[in-house]
Structure formats: structure tokens, C-alpha cells
């Protein structure tokens, strides 16, 4: 689980915080699945 704080907004057009974090979690997923776990990822916005 990773949370984009509700008060975090991009000042640059085209920057998608949720998508950036989703890609980062996918890198973690690869490592954890290789260790034998089932993995689900959650990228959400709000108070962490």
C-alpha cells in the first residue's frame, strides 16, 4: 500500500503521481513474488 497525500498536487502538466507509484510498487511486487508470496498492490489518495 502506498498513499498519495491528499495535499500533494503536481505543478507540472502530465505528471501522474498515482501512475508513478504504481510502477514503483510493481518493482517491489517482482521481488516479493520471487520470495513466494501472493502480492496485491494499492495506490490510493488521502491521509496515509
ModelCIF file with pLDDT and N, C-alpha, C, O atoms, coordinates in Angstrom:
data_MODEL
#
_entry.id   MODEL 
#
_entity.id                         1 
_entity.type                       polymer 
_entity.pdbx_number_of_molecules   1 
#
_entity_poly.entity_id                      1 
_entity_poly.type                           'polypeptide(L)' 
_entity_poly.nstd_linkage                   no 
_entity_poly.nstd_monomer                   no 
_entity_poly.pdbx_seq_one_letter_code       
;(UNK)(UNK)(UNK)(UNK)(UNK)(UNK)(UNK)(UNK)(UNK)(UNK)(UNK)(UNK)(UNK)(UNK)(UNK)(UNK)
(UNK)(UNK)(UNK)(UNK)(UNK)(UNK)(UNK)(UNK)(UNK)(UNK)(UNK)(UNK)(UNK)(UNK)(UNK)(UNK)
(UNK)(UNK)(UNK)(UNK)(UNK)(UNK)(UNK)(UNK)(UNK)(UNK)(UNK)(UNK)(UNK)(UNK)(UNK)(UNK)
;
_entity_poly.pdbx_seq_one_letter_code_can   XXXXXXXXXXXXXXXXXXXXXXXXXXXXXXXXXXXXXXXXXXXXXXXX 
_entity_poly.pdbx_strand_id                 A 
#
loop_
_entity_poly_seq.entity_id 
_entity_poly_seq.num 
_entity_poly_seq.mon_id 
_entity_poly_seq.hetero 
1 1  UNK n 
1 2  UNK n 
1 3  UNK n 
1 4  UNK n 
1 5  UNK n 
1 6  UNK n 
1 7  UNK n 
1 8  UNK n 
1 9  UNK n 
1 10 UNK n 
1 11 UNK n 
1 12 UNK n 
1 13 UNK n 
1 14 UNK n 
1 15 UNK n 
1 16 UNK n 
1 17 UNK n 
1 18 UNK n 
1 19 UNK n 
1 20 UNK n 
1 21 UNK n 
1 22 UNK n 
1 23 UNK n 
1 24 UNK n 
1 25 UNK n 
1 26 UNK n 
1 27 UNK n 
1 28 UNK n 
1 29 UNK n 
1 30 UNK n 
1 31 UNK n 
1 32 UNK n 
1 33 UNK n 
1 34 UNK n 
1 35 UNK n 
1 36 UNK n 
1 37 UNK n 
1 38 UNK n 
1 39 UNK n 
1 40 UNK n 
1 41 UNK n 
1 42 UNK n 
1 43 UNK n 
1 44 UNK n 
1 45 UNK n 
1 46 UNK n 
1 47 UNK n 
1 48 UNK n 
#
_struct_asym.id          A 
_struct_asym.entity_id   1 
#
loop_
_ma_qa_metric.id 
_ma_qa_metric.mode 
_ma_qa_metric.name 
_ma_qa_metric.software_group_id 
_ma_qa_metric.type 
1 global pLDDT . pLDDT 
2 local  pLDDT . pLDDT 
#
_ma_qa_metric_global.metric_id      1 
_ma_qa_metric_global.metric_value   81.38 
_ma_qa_metric_global.model_id       1 
_ma_qa_metric_global.ordinal_id     1 
#
loop_
_ma_qa_metric_local.label_asym_id 
_ma_qa_metric_local.label_comp_id 
_ma_qa_metric_local.label_seq_id 
_ma_qa_metric_local.metric_id 
_ma_qa_metric_local.metric_value 
_ma_qa_metric_local.model_id 
_ma_qa_metric_local.ordinal_id 
A UNK 1  2 93.00 1 1  
A UNK 2  2 91.00 1 2  
A UNK 3  2 89.00 1 3  
A UNK 4  2 83.00 1 4  
A UNK 5  2 76.00 1 5  
A UNK 6  2 72.00 1 6  
A UNK 7  2 68.00 1 7  
A UNK 8  2 61.00 1 8  
A UNK 9  2 61.00 1 9  
A UNK 10 2 54.00 1 10 
A UNK 11 2 53.00 1 11 
A UNK 12 2 48.00 1 12 
A UNK 13 2 50.00 1 13 
A UNK 14 2 46.00 1 14 
A UNK 15 2 52.00 1 15 
A UNK 16 2 65.00 1 16 
A UNK 17 2 66.00 1 17 
A UNK 18 2 74.00 1 18 
A UNK 19 2 79.00 1 19 
A UNK 20 2 79.00 1 20 
A UNK 21 2 82.00 1 21 
A UNK 22 2 85.00 1 22 
A UNK 23 2 86.00 1 23 
A UNK 24 2 84.00 1 24 
A UNK 25 2 90.00 1 25 
A UNK 26 2 89.00 1 26 
A UNK 27 2 88.00 1 27 
A UNK 28 2 90.00 1 28 
A UNK 29 2 92.00 1 29 
A UNK 30 2 92.00 1 30 
A UNK 31 2 92.00 1 31 
A UNK 32 2 94.00 1 32 
A UNK 33 2 95.00 1 33 
A UNK 34 2 94.00 1 34 
A UNK 35 2 94.00 1 35 
A UNK 36 2 95.00 1 36 
A UNK 37 2 96.00 1 37 
A UNK 38 2 97.00 1 38 
A UNK 39 2 96.00 1 39 
A UNK 40 2 95.00 1 40 
A UNK 41 2 94.00 1 41 
A UNK 42 2 93.00 1 42 
A UNK 43 2 90.00 1 43 
A UNK 44 2 89.00 1 44 
A UNK 45 2 87.00 1 45 
A UNK 46 2 89.00 1 46 
A UNK 47 2 89.00 1 47 
A UNK 48 2 89.00 1 48 
#
loop_
_atom_site.group_PDB 
_atom_site.id 
_atom_site.type_symbol 
_atom_site.label_atom_id 
_atom_site.label_alt_id 
_atom_site.label_comp_id 
_atom_site.label_asym_id 
_atom_site.label_entity_id 
_atom_site.label_seq_id 
_atom_site.pdbx_PDB_ins_code 
_atom_site.Cartn_x 
_atom_site.Cartn_y 
_atom_site.Cartn_z 
_atom_site.occupancy 
_atom_site.B_iso_or_equiv 
_atom_site.pdbx_formal_charge 
_atom_site.auth_seq_id 
_atom_site.auth_comp_id 
_atom_site.auth_asym_id 
_atom_site.auth_atom_id 
_atom_site.pdbx_PDB_model_num 
ATOM 1   N N  . UNK A 1 1  ? 0.846  -1.198  0.000   1.00 93.00 ? 1  UNK A N  1 
ATOM 2   C CA . UNK A 1 1  ? 0.000  0.000   0.000   1.00 93.00 ? 1  UNK A CA 1 
ATOM 3   C C  . UNK A 1 1  ? 0.877  1.241   0.000   1.00 93.00 ? 1  UNK A C  1 
ATOM 4   O O  . UNK A 1 1  ? 1.793  1.360   0.814   1.00 93.00 ? 1  UNK A O  1 
ATOM 5   N N  . UNK A 1 2  ? 0.602  2.155   -0.900  1.00 91.00 ? 2  UNK A N  1 
ATOM 6   C CA . UNK A 1 2  ? 1.214  3.478   -0.846  1.00 91.00 ? 2  UNK A CA 1 
ATOM 7   C C  . UNK A 1 2  ? 0.124  4.516   -1.009  1.00 91.00 ? 2  UNK A C  1 
ATOM 8   O O  . UNK A 1 2  ? -0.808 4.348   -1.795  1.00 91.00 ? 2  UNK A O  1 
ATOM 9   N N  . UNK A 1 3  ? 0.258  5.584   -0.257  1.00 89.00 ? 3  UNK A N  1 
ATOM 10  C CA . UNK A 1 3  ? -0.762 6.618   -0.222  1.00 89.00 ? 3  UNK A CA 1 
ATOM 11  C C  . UNK A 1 3  ? -0.189 7.928   -0.738  1.00 89.00 ? 3  UNK A C  1 
ATOM 12  O O  . UNK A 1 3  ? 0.831  8.409   -0.246  1.00 89.00 ? 3  UNK A O  1 
ATOM 13  N N  . UNK A 1 4  ? -0.853 8.498   -1.731  1.00 83.00 ? 4  UNK A N  1 
ATOM 14  C CA . UNK A 1 4  ? -0.517 9.846   -2.176  1.00 83.00 ? 4  UNK A CA 1 
ATOM 15  C C  . UNK A 1 4  ? -1.258 10.813  -1.267  1.00 83.00 ? 4  UNK A C  1 
ATOM 16  O O  . UNK A 1 4  ? -2.488 10.853  -1.299  1.00 83.00 ? 4  UNK A O  1 
ATOM 17  N N  . UNK A 1 5  ? -0.547 11.598  -0.453  1.00 76.00 ? 5  UNK A N  1 
ATOM 18  C CA . UNK A 1 5  ? -1.248 12.507  0.461   1.00 76.00 ? 5  UNK A CA 1 
ATOM 19  C C  . UNK A 1 5  ? -2.208 13.414  -0.289  1.00 76.00 ? 5  UNK A C  1 
ATOM 20  O O  . UNK A 1 5  ? -1.923 13.869  -1.396  1.00 76.00 ? 5  UNK A O  1 
ATOM 21  N N  . UNK A 1 6  ? -3.341 13.666  0.330   1.00 72.00 ? 6  UNK A N  1 
ATOM 22  C CA . UNK A 1 6  ? -4.382 14.455  -0.320  1.00 72.00 ? 6  UNK A CA 1 
ATOM 23  C C  . UNK A 1 6  ? -3.900 15.852  -0.673  1.00 72.00 ? 6  UNK A C  1 
ATOM 24  O O  . UNK A 1 6  ? -4.426 16.466  -1.602  1.00 72.00 ? 6  UNK A O  1 
ATOM 25  N N  . UNK A 1 7  ? -2.914 16.367  0.045   1.00 68.00 ? 7  UNK A N  1 
ATOM 26  C CA . UNK A 1 7  ? -2.449 17.736  -0.201  1.00 68.00 ? 7  UNK A CA 1 
ATOM 27  C C  . UNK A 1 7  ? -1.290 17.797  -1.189  1.00 68.00 ? 7  UNK A C  1 
ATOM 28  O O  . UNK A 1 7  ? -0.704 18.861  -1.389  1.00 68.00 ? 7  UNK A O  1 
ATOM 29  N N  . UNK A 1 8  ? -0.951 16.656  -1.815  1.00 61.00 ? 8  UNK A N  1 
ATOM 30  C CA . UNK A 1 8  ? 0.123  16.630  -2.807  1.00 61.00 ? 8  UNK A CA 1 
ATOM 31  C C  . UNK A 1 8  ? -0.485 16.784  -4.186  1.00 61.00 ? 8  UNK A C  1 
ATOM 32  O O  . UNK A 1 8  ? -1.273 15.946  -4.623  1.00 61.00 ? 8  UNK A O  1 
ATOM 33  N N  . UNK A 1 9  ? -0.120 17.853  -4.868  1.00 61.00 ? 9  UNK A N  1 
ATOM 34  C CA . UNK A 1 9  ? -0.613 18.105  -6.223  1.00 61.00 ? 9  UNK A CA 1 
ATOM 35  C C  . UNK A 1 9  ? 0.568  18.432  -7.116  1.00 61.00 ? 9  UNK A C  1 
ATOM 36  O O  . UNK A 1 9  ? 1.524  19.081  -6.691  1.00 61.00 ? 9  UNK A O  1 
ATOM 37  N N  . UNK A 1 10 ? 0.496  17.990  -8.317  1.00 54.00 ? 10 UNK A N  1 
ATOM 38  C CA . UNK A 1 10 ? 1.575  18.240  -9.256  1.00 54.00 ? 10 UNK A CA 1 
ATOM 39  C C  . UNK A 1 10 ? 1.467  19.640  -9.838  1.00 54.00 ? 10 UNK A C  1 
ATOM 40  O O  . UNK A 1 10 ? 0.390  20.088  -10.231 1.00 54.00 ? 10 UNK A O  1 
ATOM 41  N N  . UNK A 1 11 ? 2.604  20.321  -9.884  1.00 53.00 ? 11 UNK A N  1 
ATOM 42  C CA . UNK A 1 11 ? 2.633  21.614  -10.546 1.00 53.00 ? 11 UNK A CA 1 
ATOM 43  C C  . UNK A 1 11 ? 3.068  21.504  -11.991 1.00 53.00 ? 11 UNK A C  1 
ATOM 44  O O  . UNK A 1 11 ? 3.183  22.510  -12.692 1.00 53.00 ? 11 UNK A O  1 
ATOM 45  N N  . UNK A 1 12 ? 3.313  20.265  -12.444 1.00 48.00 ? 12 UNK A N  1 
ATOM 46  C CA . UNK A 1 12 ? 3.781  20.057  -13.810 1.00 48.00 ? 12 UNK A CA 1 
ATOM 47  C C  . UNK A 1 12 ? 2.734  19.294  -14.604 1.00 48.00 ? 12 UNK A C  1 
ATOM 48  O O  . UNK A 1 12 ? 2.336  18.207  -14.185 1.00 48.00 ? 12 UNK A O  1 
ATOM 49  N N  . UNK A 1 13 ? 2.287  19.801  -15.696 1.00 50.00 ? 13 UNK A N  1 
ATOM 50  C CA . UNK A 1 13 ? 1.300  19.099  -16.520 1.00 50.00 ? 13 UNK A CA 1 
ATOM 51  C C  . UNK A 1 13 ? 1.820  17.735  -16.944 1.00 50.00 ? 13 UNK A C  1 
ATOM 52  O O  . UNK A 1 13 ? 2.989  17.582  -17.296 1.00 50.00 ? 13 UNK A O  1 
ATOM 53  N N  . UNK A 1 14 ? 0.950  16.765  -16.907 1.00 46.00 ? 14 UNK A N  1 
ATOM 54  C CA . UNK A 1 14 ? 1.308  15.433  -17.376 1.00 46.00 ? 14 UNK A CA 1 
ATOM 55  C C  . UNK A 1 14 ? 1.931  14.531  -16.338 1.00 46.00 ? 14 UNK A C  1 
ATOM 56  O O  . UNK A 1 14 ? 2.199  13.364  -16.626 1.00 46.00 ? 14 UNK A O  1 
ATOM 57  N N  . UNK A 1 15 ? 2.171  15.033  -15.136 1.00 52.00 ? 15 UNK A N  1 
ATOM 58  C CA . UNK A 1 15 ? 2.753  14.200  -14.079 1.00 52.00 ? 15 UNK A CA 1 
ATOM 59  C C  . UNK A 1 15 ? 1.629  13.507  -13.326 1.00 52.00 ? 15 UNK A C  1 
ATOM 60  O O  . UNK A 1 15 ? 0.719  14.161  -12.817 1.00 52.00 ? 15 UNK A O  1 
ATOM 61  N N  . UNK A 1 16 ? 1.691  12.214  -13.258 1.00 65.00 ? 16 UNK A N  1 
ATOM 62  C CA . UNK A 1 16 ? 0.643  11.413  -12.619 1.00 65.00 ? 16 UNK A CA 1 
ATOM 63  C C  . UNK A 1 16 ? 1.272  10.670  -11.438 1.00 65.00 ? 16 UNK A C  1 
ATOM 64  O O  . UNK A 1 16 ? 1.956  9.663   -11.620 1.00 65.00 ? 16 UNK A O  1 
ATOM 65  N N  . UNK A 1 17 ? 1.030  11.182  -10.222 1.00 66.00 ? 17 UNK A N  1 
ATOM 66  C CA . UNK A 1 17 ? 1.631  10.577  -9.041  1.00 66.00 ? 17 UNK A CA 1 
ATOM 67  C C  . UNK A 1 17 ? 1.172  9.142   -8.854  1.00 66.00 ? 17 UNK A C  1 
ATOM 68  O O  . UNK A 1 17 ? 1.969  8.272   -8.505  1.00 66.00 ? 17 UNK A O  1 
ATOM 69  N N  . UNK A 1 18 ? -0.115 8.892   -9.084  1.00 74.00 ? 18 UNK A N  1 
ATOM 70  C CA . UNK A 1 18 ? -0.632 7.541   -8.886  1.00 74.00 ? 18 UNK A CA 1 
ATOM 71  C C  . UNK A 1 18 ? 0.061  6.552   -9.810  1.00 74.00 ? 18 UNK A C  1 
ATOM 72  O O  . UNK A 1 18 ? 0.418  5.454   -9.384  1.00 74.00 ? 18 UNK A O  1 
ATOM 73  N N  . UNK A 1 19 ? 0.255  6.927   -11.070 1.00 79.00 ? 19 UNK A N  1 
ATOM 74  C CA . UNK A 1 19 ? 0.888  6.022   -12.021 1.00 79.00 ? 19 UNK A CA 1 
ATOM 75  C C  . UNK A 1 19 ? 2.358  5.806   -11.671 1.00 79.00 ? 19 UNK A C  1 
ATOM 76  O O  . UNK A 1 19 ? 2.862  4.690   -11.793 1.00 79.00 ? 19 UNK A O  1 
ATOM 77  N N  . UNK A 1 20 ? 3.046  6.850   -11.240 1.00 79.00 ? 20 UNK A N  1 
ATOM 78  C CA . UNK A 1 20 ? 4.434  6.698   -10.824 1.00 79.00 ? 20 UNK A CA 1 
ATOM 79  C C  . UNK A 1 20 ? 4.558  5.719   -9.669  1.00 79.00 ? 20 UNK A C  1 
ATOM 80  O O  . UNK A 1 20 ? 5.440  4.860   -9.658  1.00 79.00 ? 20 UNK A O  1 
ATOM 81  N N  . UNK A 1 21 ? 3.675  5.857   -8.708  1.00 82.00 ? 21 UNK A N  1 
ATOM 82  C CA . UNK A 1 21 ? 3.728  4.966   -7.542  1.00 82.00 ? 21 UNK A CA 1 
ATOM 83  C C  . UNK A 1 21 ? 3.330  3.544   -7.913  1.00 82.00 ? 21 UNK A C  1 
ATOM 84  O O  . UNK A 1 21 ? 3.855  2.580   -7.355  1.00 82.00 ? 21 UNK A O  1 
ATOM 85  N N  . UNK A 1 22 ? 2.418  3.418   -8.841  1.00 85.00 ? 22 UNK A N  1 
ATOM 86  C CA . UNK A 1 22 ? 2.023  2.073   -9.259  1.00 85.00 ? 22 UNK A CA 1 
ATOM 87  C C  . UNK A 1 22 ? 3.193  1.353   -9.915  1.00 85.00 ? 22 UNK A C  1 
ATOM 88  O O  . UNK A 1 22 ? 3.395  0.160   -9.690  1.00 85.00 ? 22 UNK A O  1 
ATOM 89  N N  . UNK A 1 23 ? 3.953  2.064   -10.714 1.00 86.00 ? 23 UNK A N  1 
ATOM 90  C CA . UNK A 1 23 ? 5.129  1.442   -11.338 1.00 86.00 ? 23 UNK A CA 1 
ATOM 91  C C  . UNK A 1 23 ? 6.164  1.057   -10.282 1.00 86.00 ? 23 UNK A C  1 
ATOM 92  O O  . UNK A 1 23 ? 6.795  0.005   -10.379 1.00 86.00 ? 23 UNK A O  1 
ATOM 93  N N  . UNK A 1 24 ? 6.333  1.909   -9.282  1.00 84.00 ? 24 UNK A N  1 
ATOM 94  C CA . UNK A 1 24 ? 7.288  1.588   -8.213  1.00 84.00 ? 24 UNK A CA 1 
ATOM 95  C C  . UNK A 1 24 ? 6.841  0.347   -7.441  1.00 84.00 ? 24 UNK A C  1 
ATOM 96  O O  . UNK A 1 24 ? 7.663  -0.512  -7.119  1.00 84.00 ? 24 UNK A O  1 
ATOM 97  N N  . UNK A 1 25 ? 5.553  0.249   -7.145  1.00 90.00 ? 25 UNK A N  1 
ATOM 98  C CA . UNK A 1 25 ? 5.056  -0.927  -6.431  1.00 90.00 ? 25 UNK A CA 1 
ATOM 99  C C  . UNK A 1 25 ? 5.228  -2.193  -7.259  1.00 90.00 ? 25 UNK A C  1 
ATOM 100 O O  . UNK A 1 25 ? 5.458  -3.267  -6.704  1.00 90.00 ? 25 UNK A O  1 
ATOM 101 N N  . UNK A 1 26 ? 5.120  -2.081  -8.570  1.00 89.00 ? 26 UNK A N  1 
ATOM 102 C CA . UNK A 1 26 ? 5.306  -3.251  -9.424  1.00 89.00 ? 26 UNK A CA 1 
ATOM 103 C C  . UNK A 1 26 ? 6.733  -3.778  -9.311  1.00 89.00 ? 26 UNK A C  1 
ATOM 104 O O  . UNK A 1 26 ? 6.956  -4.983  -9.434  1.00 89.00 ? 26 UNK A O  1 
ATOM 105 N N  . UNK A 1 27 ? 7.704  -2.891  -9.078  1.00 88.00 ? 27 UNK A N  1 
ATOM 106 C CA . UNK A 1 27 ? 9.076  -3.356  -8.873  1.00 88.00 ? 27 UNK A CA 1 
ATOM 107 C C  . UNK A 1 27 ? 9.180  -4.137  -7.563  1.00 88.00 ? 27 UNK A C  1 
ATOM 108 O O  . UNK A 1 27 ? 9.837  -5.177  -7.506  1.00 88.00 ? 27 UNK A O  1 
ATOM 109 N N  . UNK A 1 28 ? 8.530  -3.634  -6.514  1.00 90.00 ? 28 UNK A N  1 
ATOM 110 C CA . UNK A 1 28 ? 8.502  -4.373  -5.248  1.00 90.00 ? 28 UNK A CA 1 
ATOM 111 C C  . UNK A 1 28 ? 7.798  -5.714  -5.433  1.00 90.00 ? 28 UNK A C  1 
ATOM 112 O O  . UNK A 1 28 ? 8.233  -6.734  -4.898  1.00 90.00 ? 28 UNK A O  1 
ATOM 113 N N  . UNK A 1 29 ? 6.719  -5.700  -6.188  1.00 92.00 ? 29 UNK A N  1 
ATOM 114 C CA . UNK A 1 29 ? 5.943  -6.925  -6.399  1.00 92.00 ? 29 UNK A CA 1 
ATOM 115 C C  . UNK A 1 29 ? 6.828  -8.043  -6.941  1.00 92.00 ? 29 UNK A C  1 
ATOM 116 O O  . UNK A 1 29 ? 6.732  -9.186  -6.494  1.00 92.00 ? 29 UNK A O  1 
ATOM 117 N N  . UNK A 1 30 ? 7.689  -7.715  -7.902  1.00 92.00 ? 30 UNK A N  1 
ATOM 118 C CA . UNK A 1 30 ? 8.546  -8.723  -8.512  1.00 92.00 ? 30 UNK A CA 1 
ATOM 119 C C  . UNK A 1 30 ? 9.434  -9.402  -7.472  1.00 92.00 ? 30 UNK A C  1 
ATOM 120 O O  . UNK A 1 30 ? 9.584  -10.624 -7.479  1.00 92.00 ? 30 UNK A O  1 
ATOM 121 N N  . UNK A 1 31 ? 10.021 -8.604  -6.578  1.00 92.00 ? 31 UNK A N  1 
ATOM 122 C CA . UNK A 1 31 ? 10.895 -9.151  -5.543  1.00 92.00 ? 31 UNK A CA 1 
ATOM 123 C C  . UNK A 1 31 ? 10.108 -10.033 -4.574  1.00 92.00 ? 31 UNK A C  1 
ATOM 124 O O  . UNK A 1 31 ? 10.560 -11.119 -4.210  1.00 92.00 ? 31 UNK A O  1 
ATOM 125 N N  . UNK A 1 32 ? 8.944  -9.568  -4.163  1.00 94.00 ? 32 UNK A N  1 
ATOM 126 C CA . UNK A 1 32 ? 8.176  -10.281 -3.142  1.00 94.00 ? 32 UNK A CA 1 
ATOM 127 C C  . UNK A 1 32 ? 7.560  -11.556 -3.720  1.00 94.00 ? 32 UNK A C  1 
ATOM 128 O O  . UNK A 1 32 ? 7.510  -12.581 -3.040  1.00 94.00 ? 32 UNK A O  1 
ATOM 129 N N  . UNK A 1 33 ? 7.097  -11.502 -4.958  1.00 95.00 ? 33 UNK A N  1 
ATOM 130 C CA . UNK A 1 33 ? 6.572  -12.720 -5.583  1.00 95.00 ? 33 UNK A CA 1 
ATOM 131 C C  . UNK A 1 33 ? 7.677  -13.762 -5.752  1.00 95.00 ? 33 UNK A C  1 
ATOM 132 O O  . UNK A 1 33 ? 7.429  -14.960 -5.623  1.00 95.00 ? 33 UNK A O  1 
ATOM 133 N N  . UNK A 1 34 ? 8.886  -13.306 -6.040  1.00 94.00 ? 34 UNK A N  1 
ATOM 134 C CA . UNK A 1 34 ? 10.008 -14.246 -6.173  1.00 94.00 ? 34 UNK A CA 1 
ATOM 135 C C  . UNK A 1 34 ? 10.319 -14.938 -4.860  1.00 94.00 ? 34 UNK A C  1 
ATOM 136 O O  . UNK A 1 34 ? 10.893 -16.027 -4.845  1.00 94.00 ? 34 UNK A O  1 
ATOM 137 N N  . UNK A 1 35 ? 9.929  -14.291 -3.732  1.00 94.00 ? 35 UNK A N  1 
ATOM 138 C CA . UNK A 1 35 ? 10.127 -14.900 -2.413  1.00 94.00 ? 35 UNK A CA 1 
ATOM 139 C C  . UNK A 1 35 ? 8.989  -15.852 -2.052  1.00 94.00 ? 35 UNK A C  1 
ATOM 140 O O  . UNK A 1 35 ? 9.012  -16.456 -0.979  1.00 94.00 ? 35 UNK A O  1 
ATOM 141 N N  . UNK A 1 36 ? 7.997  -15.995 -2.929  1.00 95.00 ? 36 UNK A N  1 
ATOM 142 C CA . UNK A 1 36 ? 6.954  -16.991 -2.720  1.00 95.00 ? 36 UNK A CA 1 
ATOM 143 C C  . UNK A 1 36 ? 5.626  -16.474 -2.225  1.00 95.00 ? 36 UNK A C  1 
ATOM 144 O O  . UNK A 1 36 ? 4.768  -17.268 -1.839  1.00 95.00 ? 36 UNK A O  1 
ATOM 145 N N  . UNK A 1 37 ? 5.425  -15.161 -2.222  1.00 96.00 ? 37 UNK A N  1 
ATOM 146 C CA . UNK A 1 37 ? 4.184  -14.584 -1.727  1.00 96.00 ? 37 UNK A CA 1 
ATOM 147 C C  . UNK A 1 37 ? 3.251  -14.195 -2.873  1.00 96.00 ? 37 UNK A C  1 
ATOM 148 O O  . UNK A 1 37 ? 3.695  -13.848 -3.968  1.00 96.00 ? 37 UNK A O  1 
ATOM 149 N N  . UNK A 1 38 ? 1.951  -14.263 -2.594  1.00 97.00 ? 38 UNK A N  1 
ATOM 150 C CA . UNK A 1 38 ? 0.991  -13.605 -3.463  1.00 97.00 ? 38 UNK A CA 1 
ATOM 151 C C  . UNK A 1 38 ? 0.998  -12.122 -3.110  1.00 97.00 ? 38 UNK A C  1 
ATOM 152 O O  . UNK A 1 38 ? 1.110  -11.768 -1.936  1.00 97.00 ? 38 UNK A O  1 
ATOM 153 N N  . UNK A 1 39 ? 0.882  -11.260 -4.097  1.00 96.00 ? 39 UNK A N  1 
ATOM 154 C CA . UNK A 1 39 ? 1.005  -9.824  -3.861  1.00 96.00 ? 39 UNK A CA 1 
ATOM 155 C C  . UNK A 1 39 ? -0.150 -9.078  -4.520  1.00 96.00 ? 39 UNK A C  1 
ATOM 156 O O  . UNK A 1 39 ? -0.505 -9.335  -5.671  1.00 96.00 ? 39 UNK A O  1 
ATOM 157 N N  . UNK A 1 40 ? -0.719 -8.157  -3.768  1.00 95.00 ? 40 UNK A N  1 
ATOM 158 C CA . UNK A 1 40 ? -1.687 -7.213  -4.317  1.00 95.00 ? 40 UNK A CA 1 
ATOM 159 C C  . UNK A 1 40 ? -1.200 -5.810  -4.003  1.00 95.00 ? 40 UNK A C  1 
ATOM 160 O O  . UNK A 1 40 ? -0.645 -5.562  -2.932  1.00 95.00 ? 40 UNK A O  1 
ATOM 161 N N  . UNK A 1 41 ? -1.409 -4.889  -4.943  1.00 94.00 ? 41 UNK A N  1 
ATOM 162 C CA . UNK A 1 41 ? -0.935 -3.522  -4.750  1.00 94.00 ? 41 UNK A CA 1 
ATOM 163 C C  . UNK A 1 41 ? -2.114 -2.559  -4.673  1.00 94.00 ? 41 UNK A C  1 
ATOM 164 O O  . UNK A 1 41 ? -3.153 -2.768  -5.300  1.00 94.00 ? 41 UNK A O  1 
ATOM 165 N N  . UNK A 1 42 ? -1.926 -1.498  -3.886  1.00 93.00 ? 42 UNK A N  1 
ATOM 166 C CA . UNK A 1 42 ? -2.968 -0.492  -3.686  1.00 93.00 ? 42 UNK A CA 1 
ATOM 167 C C  . UNK A 1 42 ? -2.316 0.886   -3.730  1.00 93.00 ? 42 UNK A C  1 
ATOM 168 O O  . UNK A 1 42 ? -1.446 1.186   -2.913  1.00 93.00 ? 42 UNK A O  1 
ATOM 169 N N  . UNK A 1 43 ? -2.720 1.704   -4.656  1.00 90.00 ? 43 UNK A N  1 
ATOM 170 C CA . UNK A 1 43 ? -2.285 3.095   -4.707  1.00 90.00 ? 43 UNK A CA 1 
ATOM 171 C C  . UNK A 1 43 ? -3.526 3.951   -4.474  1.00 90.00 ? 43 UNK A C  1 
ATOM 172 O O  . UNK A 1 43 ? -4.461 3.938   -5.275  1.00 90.00 ? 43 UNK A O  1 
ATOM 173 N N  . UNK A 1 44 ? -3.525 4.680   -3.390  1.00 89.00 ? 44 UNK A N  1 
ATOM 174 C CA . UNK A 1 44 ? -4.708 5.445   -3.008  1.00 89.00 ? 44 UNK A CA 1 
ATOM 175 C C  . UNK A 1 44 ? -4.293 6.864   -2.626  1.00 89.00 ? 44 UNK A C  1 
ATOM 176 O O  . UNK A 1 44 ? -3.108 7.148   -2.454  1.00 89.00 ? 44 UNK A O  1 
ATOM 177 N N  . UNK A 1 45 ? -5.259 7.732   -2.498  1.00 87.00 ? 45 UNK A N  1 
ATOM 178 C CA . UNK A 1 45 ? -5.010 9.123   -2.128  1.00 87.00 ? 45 UNK A CA 1 
ATOM 179 C C  . UNK A 1 45 ? -5.760 9.432   -0.838  1.00 87.00 ? 45 UNK A C  1 
ATOM 180 O O  . UNK A 1 45 ? -6.883 8.965   -0.647  1.00 87.00 ? 45 UNK A O  1 
ATOM 181 N N  . UNK A 1 46 ? -5.157 10.206  0.035   1.00 89.00 ? 46 UNK A N  1 
ATOM 182 C CA . UNK A 1 46 ? -5.820 10.588  1.273   1.00 89.00 ? 46 UNK A CA 1 
ATOM 183 C C  . UNK A 1 46 ? -4.814 10.783  2.386   1.00 89.00 ? 46 UNK A C  1 
ATOM 184 O O  . UNK A 1 46 ? -3.631 11.015  2.136   1.00 89.00 ? 46 UNK A O  1 
ATOM 185 N N  . UNK A 1 47 ? -5.290 10.687  3.617   1.00 89.00 ? 47 UNK A N  1 
ATOM 186 C CA . UNK A 1 47 ? -4.421 10.760  4.791   1.00 89.00 ? 47 UNK A CA 1 
ATOM 187 C C  . UNK A 1 47 ? -3.791 9.391   4.991   1.00 89.00 ? 47 UNK A C  1 
ATOM 188 O O  . UNK A 1 47 ? -4.521 8.414   5.165   1.00 89.00 ? 47 UNK A O  1 
ATOM 189 N N  . UNK A 1 48 ? -2.449 9.277   4.974   1.00 89.00 ? 48 UNK A N  1 
ATOM 190 C CA . UNK A 1 48 ? -1.823 7.947   4.942   1.00 89.00 ? 48 UNK A CA 1 
ATOM 191 C C  . UNK A 1 48 ? -2.312 6.980   6.015   1.00 89.00 ? 48 UNK A C  1 
ATOM 192 O O  . UNK A 1 48 ? -1.851 5.840   6.075   1.00 89.00 ? 48 UNK A O  1 
#
